[in-house]
Amino acid sequence: MHREHTKIVPIGNRVIGGGNPILIQSMTNTRTEDAEATIQQILRLEKAGCEIIRCTVPTAEAALDDTLSRHAVIFFYKLPL
């Protein structure tokens, strides 16, 4: 399969682009304000083999809740969020 040459981009402890191996990634679809549901979904994605997980923080309420951010430090150590 032909792959275009792309710029190398570091994401946490992973690297994408530039001919590096393709990484499995996904994005949570829970309401970020529901930190417990988001954390559980992140854990399921990790267990399924996801190597990069994306989350949005679309509201001030979600940004002000530090529950998810406290856990993100632990997750980020293992895989990029």
C-alpha atoms as a PDB file:
ATOM      1  CA  MET A   1       0.000   0.000   0.000  1.00  0.00           C
ATOM      2  CA  HIS A   2       1.316   3.442  -0.934  1.00  0.00           C
ATOM      3  CA  ARG A   3       1.521   5.983   1.900  1.00  0.00           C
ATOM      4  CA  GLU A   4       2.249   9.657   1.368  1.00  0.00           C
ATOM      5  CA  HIS A   5       5.243  11.149   3.169  1.00  0.00           C
ATOM      6  CA  THR A   6       3.867  13.175   6.057  1.00  0.00           C
ATOM      7  CA  LYS A   7       5.201  15.317   8.870  1.00  0.00           C
ATOM      8  CA  ILE A   8       6.156  13.509  12.096  1.00  0.00           C
ATOM      9  CA  VAL A   9       3.947  14.583  14.994  1.00  0.00           C
ATOM     10  CA  PRO A  10       4.616  13.544  18.604  1.00  0.00           C
ATOM     11  CA  ILE A  11       1.500  12.866  20.700  1.00  0.00           C
ATOM     12  CA  GLY A  12       2.477  12.129  24.278  1.00  0.00           C
ATOM     13  CA  ASN A  13       4.804   9.135  24.161  1.00  0.00           C
ATOM     14  CA  ARG A  14       3.662   8.150  20.654  1.00  0.00           C
ATOM     15  CA  VAL A  15       4.652   9.414  17.209  1.00  0.00           C
ATOM     16  CA  ILE A  16       2.470   9.527  14.110  1.00  0.00           C
ATOM     17  CA  GLY A  17       3.307  10.380  10.520  1.00  0.00           C
ATOM     18  CA  GLY A  18       6.603  10.214   8.667  1.00  0.00           C
ATOM     19  CA  GLY A  19       6.302   6.525   7.860  1.00  0.00           C
ATOM     20  CA  ASN A  20       5.815   5.474  11.491  1.00  0.00           C
ATOM     21  CA  PRO A  21       3.428   2.584  12.136  1.00  0.00           C
ATOM     22  CA  ILE A  22      -0.263   3.435  11.982  1.00  0.00           C
ATOM     23  CA  LEU A  23      -1.746   3.792  15.485  1.00  0.00           C
ATOM     24  CA  ILE A  24      -5.263   2.854  16.524  1.00  0.00           C
ATOM     25  CA  GLN A  25      -7.128   5.902  17.777  1.00  0.00           C
ATOM     26  CA  SER A  26     -10.624   6.809  18.803  1.00  0.00           C
ATOM     27  CA  MET A  27     -12.630   9.605  20.367  1.00  0.00           C
ATOM     28  CA  THR A  28     -14.928   9.379  23.348  1.00  0.00           C
ATOM     29  CA  ASN A  29     -18.596  10.025  22.689  1.00  0.00           C
ATOM     30  CA  THR A  30     -19.731  10.517  26.266  1.00  0.00           C
ATOM     31  CA  ARG A  31     -20.663  13.871  27.759  1.00  0.00           C
ATOM     32  CA  THR A  32     -17.357  15.040  29.194  1.00  0.00           C
ATOM     33  CA  GLU A  33     -19.286  16.558  32.099  1.00  0.00           C
ATOM     34  CA  ASP A  34     -20.019  12.954  33.099  1.00  0.00           C
ATOM     35  CA  ALA A  35     -16.474  12.203  34.179  1.00  0.00           C
ATOM     36  CA  GLU A  36     -17.226   8.675  35.399  1.00  0.00           C
ATOM     37  CA  ALA A  37     -18.791   7.621  32.077  1.00  0.00           C
ATOM     38  CA  THR A  38     -15.891   9.206  30.163  1.00  0.00           C
ATOM     39  CA  ILE A  39     -13.294   7.482  32.352  1.00  0.00           C
ATOM     40  CA  GLN A  40     -15.044   4.127  31.906  1.00  0.00           C
ATOM     41  CA  GLN A  41     -15.134   4.609  28.132  1.00  0.00           C
ATOM     42  CA  ILE A  42     -11.420   5.487  28.084  1.00  0.00           C
ATOM     43  CA  LEU A  43     -10.654   2.295  30.014  1.00  0.00           C
ATOM     44  CA  ARG A  44     -12.735   0.227  27.555  1.00  0.00           C
ATOM     45  CA  LEU A  45     -10.980   1.830  24.583  1.00  0.00           C
ATOM     46  CA  GLU A  46      -7.588   1.110  26.140  1.00  0.00           C
ATOM     47  CA  LYS A  47      -8.567  -2.505  26.793  1.00  0.00           C
ATOM     48  CA  ALA A  48      -9.685  -2.805  23.147  1.00  0.00           C
ATOM     49  CA  GLY A  49      -6.193  -1.753  22.011  1.00  0.00           C
ATOM     50  CA  CYS A  50      -6.670   1.933  21.350  1.00  0.00           C
ATOM     51  CA  GLU A  51      -3.314   3.754  21.341  1.00  0.00           C
ATOM     52  CA  ILE A  52      -4.524   7.384  21.172  1.00  0.00           C
ATOM     53  CA  ILE A  53      -7.773   8.594  22.737  1.00  0.00           C
ATOM     54  CA  ARG A  54      -9.320  11.988  21.987  1.00  0.00           C
ATOM     55  CA  CYS A  55     -11.787  13.804  24.262  1.00  0.00           C
ATOM     56  CA  THR A  56     -13.507  17.133  23.856  1.00  0.00           C
ATOM     57  CA  VAL A  57     -14.255  19.606  26.609  1.00  0.00           C
ATOM     58  CA  PRO A  58     -17.063  21.585  24.964  1.00  0.00           C
ATOM     59  CA  THR A  59     -18.445  23.464  27.953  1.00  0.00           C
ATOM     60  CA  ALA A  60     -17.200  25.569  30.853  1.00  0.00           C
ATOM     61  CA  GLU A  61     -18.857  23.063  33.201  1.00  0.00           C
ATOM     62  CA  ALA A  62     -16.710  20.243  31.817  1.00  0.00           C
ATOM     63  CA  ALA A  63     -13.574  22.389  31.937  1.00  0.00           C
ATOM     64  CA  LEU A  64     -14.163  23.344  35.577  1.00  0.00           C
ATOM     65  CA  ASP A  65     -14.734  19.768  36.769  1.00  0.00           C
ATOM     66  CA  ASP A  66     -11.317  18.484  37.811  1.00  0.00           C
ATOM     67  CA  THR A  67     -12.418  14.826  38.144  1.00  0.00           C
ATOM     68  CA  LEU A  68     -11.472  13.959  34.582  1.00  0.00           C
ATOM     69  CA  SER A  69      -8.313  16.079  34.590  1.00  0.00           C
ATOM     70  CA  ARG A  70      -7.027  14.317  37.733  1.00  0.00           C
ATOM     71  CA  HIS A  71      -7.494  10.966  36.009  1.00  0.00           C
ATOM     72  CA  ALA A  72      -6.074  12.261  32.719  1.00  0.00           C
ATOM     73  CA  VAL A  73      -2.646  12.539  34.340  1.00  0.00           C
ATOM     74  CA  ILE A  74      -2.745   8.799  35.037  1.00  0.00           C
ATOM     75  CA  PHE A  75      -4.100   7.948  31.569  1.00  0.00           C
ATOM     76  CA  PHE A  76      -1.629  10.222  29.784  1.00  0.00           C
ATOM     77  CA  TYR A  77       1.240   8.385  31.438  1.00  0.00           C
ATOM     78  CA  LYS A  78       0.068   5.188  29.716  1.00  0.00           C
ATOM     79  CA  LEU A  79      -1.408   6.484  26.461  1.00  0.00           C
ATOM     80  CA  PRO A  80      -1.982   9.873  24.874  1.00  0.00           C
ATOM     81  CA  LEU A  81      -5.325  11.542  25.517  1.00  0.00           C
END
